[in-house]
Amino acid sequence: MRAVRPSAAVPRRVDARRNREAILRAADEAFSEDADIALDEVARRAGLGRATVYRHFPDRTALALAVAGHHLAGLKNLVRDKESFRELLRTVLAMQARRRPLVRLFRELPERSRRQYTHALISLLRPAFERAQRDGSVRADLEPADLALLFEMHEAALAAGPAPQEPAERLVRVFLDGLAGARDPVADD
């Protein structure tokens, strides 16, 4: 049996990581345009062979989940950097608005997969959410689980029809302002 030198194995792993990153970048770009993008087109955009893409991702759903995971990892870095909850939520809602085809693909996934992703997203946002509640910038009567409803409301508004970027940004501000800690108008009655 021929021994494999460690240095010979390392370049393949580095190449595999580099290829995977190229695929994810190309897929992210493609999914911002069309949810029905073929993996062959992703391979072309990544500058890789079709077999390389299929070796990493057996189908479009697996690729979409990986792209979403990649975005979650980026969000995790923002959480680690102690971004404000408002900025984190703005990032999530803006991504939801910009990646319409990817969101559509996600909505076609089984309920369990969608719930897992939403749970992971809310878990990631929870520490910043709780910090914001403690400092009074998020209403005390909200729970992190309420974010799922916010995401659904945002989705319904986005799905209602094509909206120019400015109204989408205004909607994000309305949501963010609605979460803000303020005096309770009902208590004033």
N, C-alpha and C. Protein backbone atom coordinates (compact mmCIF):
# COMPACT_ATOMS: atom_id res chain seq x y z
N MET A 1 0.84 -1.16 0.00
CA MET A 1 0.00 0.00 0.00
C MET A 1 0.89 1.23 0.00
N ARG A 2 0.58 2.16 -0.86
CA ARG A 2 1.37 3.37 -1.00
C ARG A 2 0.94 4.41 0.03
N ALA A 3 1.89 4.99 0.73
CA ALA A 3 1.60 6.00 1.75
C ALA A 3 1.33 7.34 1.09
N VAL A 4 0.32 8.02 1.59
CA VAL A 4 0.00 9.36 1.10
C VAL A 4 0.71 10.36 1.97
N ARG A 5 1.47 11.21 1.32
CA ARG A 5 2.16 12.26 2.07
C ARG A 5 1.15 13.30 2.52
N PRO A 6 1.26 13.76 3.78
CA PRO A 6 0.32 14.77 4.27
C PRO A 6 0.27 16.00 3.38
N SER A 7 1.41 16.42 2.86
CA SER A 7 1.42 17.62 2.03
C SER A 7 0.65 17.41 0.73
N ALA A 8 0.56 16.18 0.27
CA ALA A 8 -0.19 15.90 -0.96
C ALA A 8 -1.69 15.99 -0.70
N ALA A 9 -2.14 15.65 0.50
CA ALA A 9 -3.56 15.67 0.82
C ALA A 9 -4.05 17.09 1.10
N VAL A 10 -3.23 17.93 1.65
CA VAL A 10 -3.64 19.27 2.05
C VAL A 10 -4.12 20.11 0.86
N PRO A 11 -3.40 20.14 -0.27
CA PRO A 11 -3.87 20.98 -1.36
C PRO A 11 -5.29 20.62 -1.82
N ARG A 12 -5.64 19.32 -1.80
CA ARG A 12 -6.98 18.96 -2.21
C ARG A 12 -8.02 19.54 -1.26
N ARG A 13 -7.72 19.51 0.03
CA ARG A 13 -8.67 20.07 0.99
C ARG A 13 -8.77 21.58 0.80
N VAL A 14 -7.66 22.23 0.54
CA VAL A 14 -7.68 23.67 0.30
C VAL A 14 -8.45 23.95 -0.98
N ASP A 15 -8.19 23.17 -2.03
CA ASP A 15 -8.93 23.34 -3.28
C ASP A 15 -10.42 23.09 -3.08
N ALA A 16 -10.75 22.07 -2.31
CA ALA A 16 -12.17 21.75 -2.07
C ALA A 16 -12.85 22.90 -1.34
N ARG A 17 -12.17 23.47 -0.34
CA ARG A 17 -12.74 24.62 0.38
C ARG A 17 -12.90 25.82 -0.56
N ARG A 18 -11.88 26.06 -1.36
CA ARG A 18 -11.93 27.18 -2.29
C ARG A 18 -13.06 26.96 -3.31
N ASN A 19 -13.20 25.75 -3.81
CA ASN A 19 -14.28 25.44 -4.75
C ASN A 19 -15.65 25.63 -4.10
N ARG A 20 -15.78 25.15 -2.88
CA ARG A 20 -17.06 25.28 -2.17
C ARG A 20 -17.42 26.76 -2.00
N GLU A 21 -16.45 27.58 -1.61
CA GLU A 21 -16.70 29.02 -1.46
C GLU A 21 -17.09 29.65 -2.79
N ALA A 22 -16.42 29.25 -3.86
CA ALA A 22 -16.76 29.79 -5.19
C ALA A 22 -18.18 29.39 -5.59
N ILE A 23 -18.54 28.16 -5.28
CA ILE A 23 -19.89 27.68 -5.58
C ILE A 23 -20.92 28.49 -4.78
N LEU A 24 -20.65 28.68 -3.49
CA LEU A 24 -21.60 29.42 -2.65
C LEU A 24 -21.75 30.86 -3.12
N ARG A 25 -20.65 31.50 -3.50
CA ARG A 25 -20.73 32.89 -4.01
C ARG A 25 -21.55 32.94 -5.29
N ALA A 26 -21.27 32.02 -6.20
CA ALA A 26 -21.99 32.00 -7.48
C ALA A 26 -23.47 31.68 -7.25
N ALA A 27 -23.75 30.75 -6.35
CA ALA A 27 -25.14 30.39 -6.07
C ALA A 27 -25.88 31.54 -5.41
N ASP A 28 -25.22 32.23 -4.50
CA ASP A 28 -25.86 33.36 -3.83
C ASP A 28 -26.25 34.42 -4.86
N GLU A 29 -25.35 34.70 -5.76
CA GLU A 29 -25.64 35.66 -6.83
C GLU A 29 -26.79 35.14 -7.70
N ALA A 30 -26.72 33.88 -8.07
CA ALA A 30 -27.75 33.29 -8.93
C ALA A 30 -29.11 33.28 -8.23
N PHE A 31 -29.13 32.92 -6.94
CA PHE A 31 -30.39 32.86 -6.21
C PHE A 31 -30.98 34.25 -5.96
N SER A 32 -30.21 35.29 -6.15
CA SER A 32 -30.78 36.63 -6.04
C SER A 32 -31.54 36.99 -7.32
N GLU A 33 -31.32 36.19 -8.37
CA GLU A 33 -31.96 36.44 -9.66
C GLU A 33 -33.08 35.46 -9.97
N ASP A 34 -32.88 34.17 -9.61
CA ASP A 34 -33.82 33.13 -10.04
C ASP A 34 -33.69 31.90 -9.15
N ALA A 35 -34.80 31.45 -8.58
CA ALA A 35 -34.76 30.27 -7.71
C ALA A 35 -34.62 28.99 -8.53
N ASP A 36 -34.99 29.04 -9.78
CA ASP A 36 -34.96 27.84 -10.62
C ASP A 36 -33.65 27.69 -11.38
N ILE A 37 -32.61 28.31 -10.89
CA ILE A 37 -31.31 28.26 -11.55
C ILE A 37 -30.79 26.82 -11.55
N ALA A 38 -30.26 26.40 -12.65
CA ALA A 38 -29.72 25.04 -12.77
C ALA A 38 -28.32 25.00 -12.14
N LEU A 39 -27.99 23.86 -11.59
CA LEU A 39 -26.66 23.71 -11.00
C LEU A 39 -25.57 23.87 -12.06
N ASP A 40 -25.89 23.53 -13.29
CA ASP A 40 -24.93 23.73 -14.38
C ASP A 40 -24.58 25.22 -14.52
N GLU A 41 -25.58 26.08 -14.36
CA GLU A 41 -25.36 27.52 -14.45
C GLU A 41 -24.52 28.00 -13.27
N VAL A 42 -24.75 27.45 -12.11
CA VAL A 42 -23.95 27.80 -10.94
C VAL A 42 -22.50 27.40 -11.20
N ALA A 43 -22.30 26.22 -11.76
CA ALA A 43 -20.94 25.75 -12.07
C ALA A 43 -20.27 26.72 -13.05
N ARG A 44 -21.00 27.13 -14.08
CA ARG A 44 -20.44 28.06 -15.07
C ARG A 44 -20.04 29.37 -14.40
N ARG A 45 -20.91 29.91 -13.55
CA ARG A 45 -20.63 31.17 -12.87
C ARG A 45 -19.45 31.05 -11.91
N ALA A 46 -19.30 29.87 -11.32
CA ALA A 46 -18.20 29.64 -10.37
C ALA A 46 -16.90 29.33 -11.09
N GLY A 47 -16.98 29.08 -12.40
CA GLY A 47 -15.78 28.72 -13.17
C GLY A 47 -15.31 27.31 -12.86
N LEU A 48 -16.27 26.43 -12.54
CA LEU A 48 -15.94 25.06 -12.18
C LEU A 48 -16.72 24.09 -13.05
N GLY A 49 -16.30 22.84 -13.02
CA GLY A 49 -17.01 21.81 -13.75
C GLY A 49 -18.28 21.40 -13.04
N ARG A 50 -19.22 20.90 -13.81
CA ARG A 50 -20.50 20.45 -13.27
C ARG A 50 -20.31 19.39 -12.19
N ALA A 51 -19.41 18.45 -12.42
CA ALA A 51 -19.18 17.37 -11.46
C ALA A 51 -18.70 17.92 -10.11
N THR A 52 -17.91 18.98 -10.14
CA THR A 52 -17.42 19.58 -8.90
C THR A 52 -18.59 20.12 -8.08
N VAL A 53 -19.52 20.78 -8.73
CA VAL A 53 -20.68 21.32 -8.01
C VAL A 53 -21.51 20.17 -7.44
N TYR A 54 -21.77 19.15 -8.26
CA TYR A 54 -22.58 18.02 -7.80
C TYR A 54 -21.87 17.22 -6.70
N ARG A 55 -20.57 17.24 -6.69
CA ARG A 55 -19.83 16.55 -5.63
C ARG A 55 -20.08 17.23 -4.28
N HIS A 56 -20.22 18.56 -4.30
CA HIS A 56 -20.47 19.32 -3.07
C HIS A 56 -21.96 19.37 -2.73
N PHE A 57 -22.81 19.49 -3.74
CA PHE A 57 -24.25 19.69 -3.53
C PHE A 57 -25.03 18.82 -4.52
N PRO A 58 -25.77 17.83 -4.01
CA PRO A 58 -26.47 16.91 -4.91
C PRO A 58 -27.66 17.53 -5.64
N ASP A 59 -28.21 18.63 -5.10
CA ASP A 59 -29.35 19.26 -5.77
C ASP A 59 -29.45 20.73 -5.35
N ARG A 60 -30.39 21.41 -5.98
CA ARG A 60 -30.56 22.84 -5.75
C ARG A 60 -30.98 23.13 -4.30
N THR A 61 -31.78 22.26 -3.72
CA THR A 61 -32.22 22.46 -2.34
C THR A 61 -31.03 22.41 -1.38
N ALA A 62 -30.17 21.44 -1.56
CA ALA A 62 -28.97 21.34 -0.71
C ALA A 62 -28.10 22.58 -0.87
N LEU A 63 -28.01 23.07 -2.09
CA LEU A 63 -27.23 24.27 -2.34
C LEU A 63 -27.88 25.49 -1.69
N ALA A 64 -29.21 25.60 -1.78
CA ALA A 64 -29.92 26.72 -1.16
C ALA A 64 -29.73 26.70 0.35
N LEU A 65 -29.80 25.52 0.95
CA LEU A 65 -29.59 25.41 2.39
C LEU A 65 -28.17 25.83 2.77
N ALA A 66 -27.21 25.46 1.93
CA ALA A 66 -25.82 25.84 2.20
C ALA A 66 -25.64 27.35 2.07
N VAL A 67 -26.28 27.97 1.09
CA VAL A 67 -26.20 29.43 0.94
C VAL A 67 -26.81 30.10 2.17
N ALA A 68 -27.95 29.60 2.62
CA ALA A 68 -28.58 30.16 3.82
C ALA A 68 -27.67 29.97 5.03
N GLY A 69 -27.04 28.81 5.14
CA GLY A 69 -26.10 28.56 6.23
C GLY A 69 -24.92 29.51 6.18
N HIS A 70 -24.48 29.81 4.98
CA HIS A 70 -23.38 30.76 4.79
C HIS A 70 -23.79 32.15 5.29
N HIS A 71 -25.04 32.55 4.98
CA HIS A 71 -25.54 33.84 5.46
C HIS A 71 -25.68 33.83 6.98
N LEU A 72 -26.11 32.71 7.54
CA LEU A 72 -26.21 32.61 9.00
C LEU A 72 -24.83 32.75 9.65
N ALA A 73 -23.82 32.16 9.02
CA ALA A 73 -22.46 32.28 9.55
C ALA A 73 -22.00 33.73 9.52
N GLY A 74 -22.32 34.45 8.45
CA GLY A 74 -21.99 35.87 8.38
C GLY A 74 -22.71 36.67 9.44
N LEU A 75 -23.97 36.33 9.67
CA LEU A 75 -24.73 37.00 10.71
C LEU A 75 -24.15 36.69 12.09
N LYS A 76 -23.68 35.47 12.25
CA LYS A 76 -23.06 35.08 13.53
C LYS A 76 -21.85 35.97 13.82
N ASN A 77 -21.09 36.31 12.79
CA ASN A 77 -19.94 37.20 12.98
C ASN A 77 -20.40 38.59 13.43
N LEU A 78 -21.51 39.08 12.86
CA LEU A 78 -22.04 40.38 13.29
C LEU A 78 -22.50 40.33 14.74
N VAL A 79 -23.12 39.20 15.12
CA VAL A 79 -23.56 39.03 16.51
C VAL A 79 -22.35 39.03 17.43
N ARG A 80 -21.32 38.32 17.03
CA ARG A 80 -20.09 38.24 17.83
C ARG A 80 -19.45 39.62 17.98
N ASP A 81 -19.59 40.45 16.94
CA ASP A 81 -19.03 41.80 16.99
C ASP A 81 -19.93 42.76 17.76
N LYS A 82 -20.99 42.23 18.36
CA LYS A 82 -21.92 43.00 19.20
C LYS A 82 -22.65 44.09 18.42
N GLU A 83 -23.01 43.79 17.17
CA GLU A 83 -23.85 44.73 16.42
C GLU A 83 -25.14 44.93 17.21
N SER A 84 -25.75 46.08 17.06
CA SER A 84 -27.01 46.33 17.75
C SER A 84 -28.10 45.44 17.16
N PHE A 85 -29.09 45.15 17.96
CA PHE A 85 -30.20 44.32 17.48
C PHE A 85 -30.86 44.97 16.28
N ARG A 86 -31.02 46.28 16.35
CA ARG A 86 -31.65 47.00 15.24
C ARG A 86 -30.88 46.78 13.94
N GLU A 87 -29.57 46.87 13.98
CA GLU A 87 -28.76 46.67 12.77
C GLU A 87 -28.80 45.21 12.30
N LEU A 88 -28.79 44.28 13.25
CA LEU A 88 -28.90 42.86 12.88
C LEU A 88 -30.23 42.58 12.19
N LEU A 89 -31.30 43.08 12.77
CA LEU A 89 -32.62 42.85 12.19
C LEU A 89 -32.73 43.54 10.84
N ARG A 90 -32.18 44.73 10.73
CA ARG A 90 -32.19 45.43 9.43
C ARG A 90 -31.47 44.57 8.38
N THR A 91 -30.36 43.97 8.76
CA THR A 91 -29.60 43.11 7.85
C THR A 91 -30.44 41.91 7.41
N VAL A 92 -31.10 41.27 8.36
CA VAL A 92 -31.92 40.09 8.04
C VAL A 92 -33.09 40.47 7.13
N LEU A 93 -33.80 41.54 7.46
CA LEU A 93 -34.95 41.94 6.66
C LEU A 93 -34.53 42.41 5.27
N ALA A 94 -33.41 43.10 5.19
CA ALA A 94 -32.91 43.54 3.87
C ALA A 94 -32.52 42.33 3.02
N MET A 95 -31.92 41.33 3.64
CA MET A 95 -31.56 40.13 2.91
C MET A 95 -32.82 39.41 2.42
N GLN A 96 -33.83 39.37 3.26
CA GLN A 96 -35.10 38.76 2.89
C GLN A 96 -35.69 39.47 1.67
N ALA A 97 -35.55 40.78 1.63
CA ALA A 97 -36.08 41.56 0.51
C ALA A 97 -35.24 41.38 -0.76
N ARG A 98 -33.92 41.29 -0.62
CA ARG A 98 -33.04 41.20 -1.79
C ARG A 98 -32.97 39.80 -2.38
N ARG A 99 -33.18 38.78 -1.58
CA ARG A 99 -33.02 37.40 -2.03
C ARG A 99 -34.38 36.73 -2.23
N ARG A 100 -35.27 37.39 -2.94
CA ARG A 100 -36.62 36.88 -3.15
C ARG A 100 -36.64 35.45 -3.72
N PRO A 101 -35.87 35.15 -4.76
CA PRO A 101 -35.90 33.78 -5.29
C PRO A 101 -35.44 32.74 -4.27
N LEU A 102 -34.45 33.08 -3.47
CA LEU A 102 -33.97 32.15 -2.45
C LEU A 102 -35.05 31.94 -1.39
N VAL A 103 -35.72 33.01 -1.01
CA VAL A 103 -36.81 32.90 -0.03
C VAL A 103 -37.93 32.03 -0.60
N ARG A 104 -38.25 32.22 -1.88
CA ARG A 104 -39.30 31.41 -2.52
C ARG A 104 -38.92 29.94 -2.49
N LEU A 105 -37.67 29.64 -2.77
CA LEU A 105 -37.20 28.25 -2.72
C LEU A 105 -37.33 27.70 -1.30
N PHE A 106 -37.00 28.50 -0.32
CA PHE A 106 -37.12 28.08 1.08
C PHE A 106 -38.56 27.80 1.46
N ARG A 107 -39.46 28.60 0.94
CA ARG A 107 -40.87 28.42 1.29
C ARG A 107 -41.42 27.13 0.69
N GLU A 108 -40.72 26.55 -0.26
CA GLU A 108 -41.13 25.27 -0.85
C GLU A 108 -40.55 24.07 -0.10
N LEU A 109 -39.68 24.33 0.86
CA LEU A 109 -39.09 23.24 1.65
C LEU A 109 -40.14 22.66 2.59
N PRO A 110 -39.89 21.45 3.07
CA PRO A 110 -40.79 20.89 4.07
C PRO A 110 -40.84 21.80 5.31
N GLU A 111 -41.99 21.80 5.97
CA GLU A 111 -42.21 22.65 7.14
C GLU A 111 -41.11 22.48 8.18
N ARG A 112 -40.68 21.26 8.40
CA ARG A 112 -39.64 20.99 9.41
C ARG A 112 -38.34 21.73 9.08
N SER A 113 -37.94 21.72 7.83
CA SER A 113 -36.71 22.41 7.43
C SER A 113 -36.85 23.91 7.61
N ARG A 114 -38.00 24.46 7.25
CA ARG A 114 -38.22 25.90 7.42
C ARG A 114 -38.19 26.27 8.89
N ARG A 115 -38.82 25.46 9.73
CA ARG A 115 -38.83 25.73 11.17
C ARG A 115 -37.43 25.68 11.75
N GLN A 116 -36.63 24.71 11.30
CA GLN A 116 -35.25 24.59 11.80
C GLN A 116 -34.45 25.83 11.46
N TYR A 117 -34.58 26.30 10.23
CA TYR A 117 -33.84 27.49 9.81
C TYR A 117 -34.31 28.70 10.61
N THR A 118 -35.63 28.87 10.76
CA THR A 118 -36.16 30.01 11.52
C THR A 118 -35.69 29.94 12.96
N HIS A 119 -35.71 28.76 13.54
CA HIS A 119 -35.25 28.59 14.92
C HIS A 119 -33.77 28.96 15.04
N ALA A 120 -32.96 28.52 14.08
CA ALA A 120 -31.53 28.85 14.11
C ALA A 120 -31.33 30.36 14.01
N LEU A 121 -32.09 31.01 13.16
CA LEU A 121 -31.99 32.46 12.98
C LEU A 121 -32.39 33.18 14.27
N ILE A 122 -33.50 32.78 14.86
CA ILE A 122 -33.96 33.42 16.09
C ILE A 122 -32.97 33.18 17.22
N SER A 123 -32.44 31.97 17.31
CA SER A 123 -31.44 31.67 18.34
C SER A 123 -30.22 32.55 18.20
N LEU A 124 -29.84 32.81 16.96
CA LEU A 124 -28.69 33.66 16.70
C LEU A 124 -28.97 35.11 17.11
N LEU A 125 -30.19 35.57 16.90
CA LEU A 125 -30.57 36.94 17.22
C LEU A 125 -30.90 37.14 18.70
N ARG A 126 -31.18 36.06 19.42
CA ARG A 126 -31.65 36.14 20.80
C ARG A 126 -30.76 36.99 21.72
N PRO A 127 -29.44 36.77 21.76
CA PRO A 127 -28.63 37.57 22.69
C PRO A 127 -28.74 39.08 22.44
N ALA A 128 -28.72 39.48 21.18
CA ALA A 128 -28.84 40.91 20.85
C ALA A 128 -30.24 41.41 21.17
N PHE A 129 -31.24 40.58 20.92
CA PHE A 129 -32.63 40.92 21.24
C PHE A 129 -32.77 41.17 22.73
N GLU A 130 -32.24 40.27 23.53
CA GLU A 130 -32.33 40.40 24.99
C GLU A 130 -31.54 41.60 25.51
N ARG A 131 -30.38 41.88 24.91
CA ARG A 131 -29.62 43.08 25.28
C ARG A 131 -30.44 44.33 24.98
N ALA A 132 -31.09 44.33 23.82
CA ALA A 132 -31.90 45.47 23.43
C ALA A 132 -33.10 45.64 24.37
N GLN A 133 -33.66 44.55 24.84
CA GLN A 133 -34.75 44.68 25.81
C GLN A 133 -34.24 45.27 27.12
N ARG A 134 -33.08 44.81 27.56
CA ARG A 134 -32.51 45.33 28.81
C ARG A 134 -32.21 46.81 28.73
N ASP A 135 -31.74 47.27 27.54
CA ASP A 135 -31.42 48.69 27.44
C ASP A 135 -32.62 49.54 27.02
N GLY A 136 -33.78 48.90 26.84
CA GLY A 136 -35.01 49.62 26.55
C GLY A 136 -35.24 49.95 25.09
N SER A 137 -34.39 49.46 24.19
CA SER A 137 -34.59 49.77 22.77
C SER A 137 -35.53 48.78 22.08
N VAL A 138 -35.90 47.71 22.76
CA VAL A 138 -36.91 46.77 22.27
C VAL A 138 -37.94 46.61 23.38
N ARG A 139 -39.19 46.59 22.98
CA ARG A 139 -40.30 46.47 23.92
C ARG A 139 -40.12 45.27 24.84
N ALA A 140 -40.45 45.45 26.10
CA ALA A 140 -40.30 44.39 27.10
C ALA A 140 -41.34 43.29 26.94
N ASP A 141 -42.46 43.57 26.28
CA ASP A 141 -43.52 42.57 26.16
C ASP A 141 -43.33 41.62 24.98
N LEU A 142 -42.24 41.75 24.26
CA LEU A 142 -41.96 40.86 23.13
C LEU A 142 -41.09 39.69 23.58
N GLU A 143 -41.17 38.61 22.82
CA GLU A 143 -40.31 37.45 23.03
C GLU A 143 -39.54 37.20 21.75
N PRO A 144 -38.38 36.58 21.84
CA PRO A 144 -37.64 36.28 20.60
C PRO A 144 -38.48 35.50 19.58
N ALA A 145 -39.35 34.62 20.05
CA ALA A 145 -40.19 33.84 19.13
C ALA A 145 -41.10 34.74 18.29
N ASP A 146 -41.40 35.95 18.77
CA ASP A 146 -42.22 36.89 18.01
C ASP A 146 -41.54 37.31 16.71
N LEU A 147 -40.24 37.12 16.63
CA LEU A 147 -39.53 37.48 15.40
C LEU A 147 -40.01 36.64 14.22
N ALA A 148 -40.41 35.39 14.47
CA ALA A 148 -40.93 34.55 13.39
C ALA A 148 -42.16 35.20 12.76
N LEU A 149 -43.02 35.77 13.59
CA LEU A 149 -44.20 36.48 13.07
C LEU A 149 -43.77 37.71 12.28
N LEU A 150 -42.80 38.43 12.77
CA LEU A 150 -42.29 39.60 12.05
C LEU A 150 -41.76 39.20 10.67
N PHE A 151 -41.00 38.11 10.61
CA PHE A 151 -40.48 37.64 9.32
C PHE A 151 -41.61 37.26 8.37
N GLU A 152 -42.65 36.62 8.91
CA GLU A 152 -43.80 36.24 8.08
C GLU A 152 -44.55 37.47 7.58
N MET A 153 -44.72 38.47 8.44
CA MET A 153 -45.40 39.70 8.02
C MET A 153 -44.59 40.40 6.92
N HIS A 154 -43.28 40.43 7.10
CA HIS A 154 -42.41 41.04 6.09
C HIS A 154 -42.52 40.27 4.79
N GLU A 155 -42.52 38.96 4.89
CA GLU A 155 -42.65 38.11 3.70
C GLU A 155 -43.97 38.38 2.98
N ALA A 156 -45.06 38.47 3.73
CA ALA A 156 -46.36 38.73 3.12
C ALA A 156 -46.37 40.07 2.41
N ALA A 157 -45.77 41.08 3.02
CA ALA A 157 -45.72 42.40 2.40
C ALA A 157 -44.88 42.36 1.12
N LEU A 158 -43.77 41.66 1.17
CA LEU A 158 -42.91 41.56 -0.02
C LEU A 158 -43.58 40.75 -1.12
N ALA A 159 -44.29 39.70 -0.74
CA ALA A 159 -44.93 38.83 -1.73
C ALA A 159 -46.16 39.49 -2.35
N ALA A 160 -46.69 40.53 -1.71
CA ALA A 160 -47.90 41.19 -2.21
C ALA A 160 -47.68 41.84 -3.57
N GLY A 161 -46.46 42.11 -3.89
CA GLY A 161 -46.21 42.70 -5.20
C GLY A 161 -44.84 43.33 -5.25
N PRO A 162 -44.39 43.59 -6.46
CA PRO A 162 -43.08 44.21 -6.59
C PRO A 162 -43.12 45.63 -6.03
N ALA A 163 -42.16 45.91 -5.19
CA ALA A 163 -42.08 47.24 -4.60
C ALA A 163 -40.70 47.80 -4.85
N PRO A 164 -40.62 49.07 -5.16
CA PRO A 164 -39.30 49.67 -5.32
C PRO A 164 -38.54 49.60 -4.00
N GLN A 165 -37.25 49.74 -4.07
CA GLN A 165 -36.38 49.60 -2.90
C GLN A 165 -36.76 50.56 -1.79
N GLU A 166 -37.11 51.78 -2.13
CA GLU A 166 -37.41 52.77 -1.09
C GLU A 166 -38.57 52.33 -0.19
N PRO A 167 -39.74 51.90 -0.74
CA PRO A 167 -40.80 51.43 0.15
C PRO A 167 -40.39 50.20 0.96
N ALA A 168 -39.56 49.33 0.41
CA ALA A 168 -39.10 48.17 1.18
C ALA A 168 -38.29 48.65 2.37
N GLU A 169 -37.44 49.63 2.18
CA GLU A 169 -36.66 50.19 3.29
C GLU A 169 -37.59 50.85 4.31
N ARG A 170 -38.61 51.52 3.83
CA ARG A 170 -39.57 52.17 4.74
C ARG A 170 -40.27 51.11 5.58
N LEU A 171 -40.63 49.98 4.98
CA LEU A 171 -41.27 48.89 5.71
C LEU A 171 -40.35 48.35 6.80
N VAL A 172 -39.07 48.22 6.49
CA VAL A 172 -38.11 47.77 7.49
C VAL A 172 -38.09 48.76 8.65
N ARG A 173 -38.09 50.05 8.36
CA ARG A 173 -38.10 51.06 9.44
C ARG A 173 -39.37 50.95 10.28
N VAL A 174 -40.52 50.72 9.64
CA VAL A 174 -41.77 50.58 10.38
C VAL A 174 -41.68 49.39 11.33
N PHE A 175 -41.17 48.26 10.85
CA PHE A 175 -41.02 47.10 11.72
C PHE A 175 -40.08 47.39 12.88
N LEU A 176 -38.95 47.98 12.55
CA LEU A 176 -37.97 48.27 13.59
C LEU A 176 -38.52 49.25 14.62
N ASP A 177 -39.23 50.28 14.15
CA ASP A 177 -39.80 51.24 15.07
C ASP A 177 -40.91 50.60 15.91
N GLY A 178 -41.63 49.66 15.33
CA GLY A 178 -42.69 48.96 16.05
C GLY A 178 -42.15 48.09 17.18
N LEU A 179 -40.91 47.65 17.04
CA LEU A 179 -40.29 46.84 18.08
C LEU A 179 -39.69 47.70 19.19
N ALA A 180 -39.53 48.97 18.91
CA ALA A 180 -38.81 49.86 19.85
C ALA A 180 -39.53 49.98 21.17
N GLY A 181 -38.75 50.03 22.19
CA GLY A 181 -39.29 50.26 23.53
C GLY A 181 -39.83 51.68 23.60
N ALA A 182 -41.05 51.80 24.07
CA ALA A 182 -41.68 53.12 24.20
C ALA A 182 -42.79 52.99 25.22
N ARG A 183 -43.35 54.12 25.57
CA ARG A 183 -44.46 54.06 26.52
C ARG A 183 -45.62 53.33 25.86
N ASP A 184 -46.40 52.65 26.64
CA ASP A 184 -47.52 51.84 26.14
C ASP A 184 -48.75 52.73 26.00
N PRO A 185 -49.21 53.01 24.75
CA PRO A 185 -50.35 53.90 24.57
C PRO A 185 -51.63 53.32 25.19
N VAL A 186 -51.76 52.01 25.26
CA VAL A 186 -52.94 51.39 25.87
C VAL A 186 -52.99 51.71 27.36
N ALA A 187 -51.84 51.70 28.00
CA ALA A 187 -51.76 51.99 29.44
C ALA A 187 -52.12 53.44 29.74
N ASP A 188 -51.99 54.31 28.74
CA ASP A 188 -52.28 55.73 28.93
C ASP A 188 -53.78 56.00 28.90
N ASP A 189 -54.60 55.07 28.40
CA ASP A 189 -56.05 55.28 28.28
C ASP A 189 -56.74 55.21 29.61
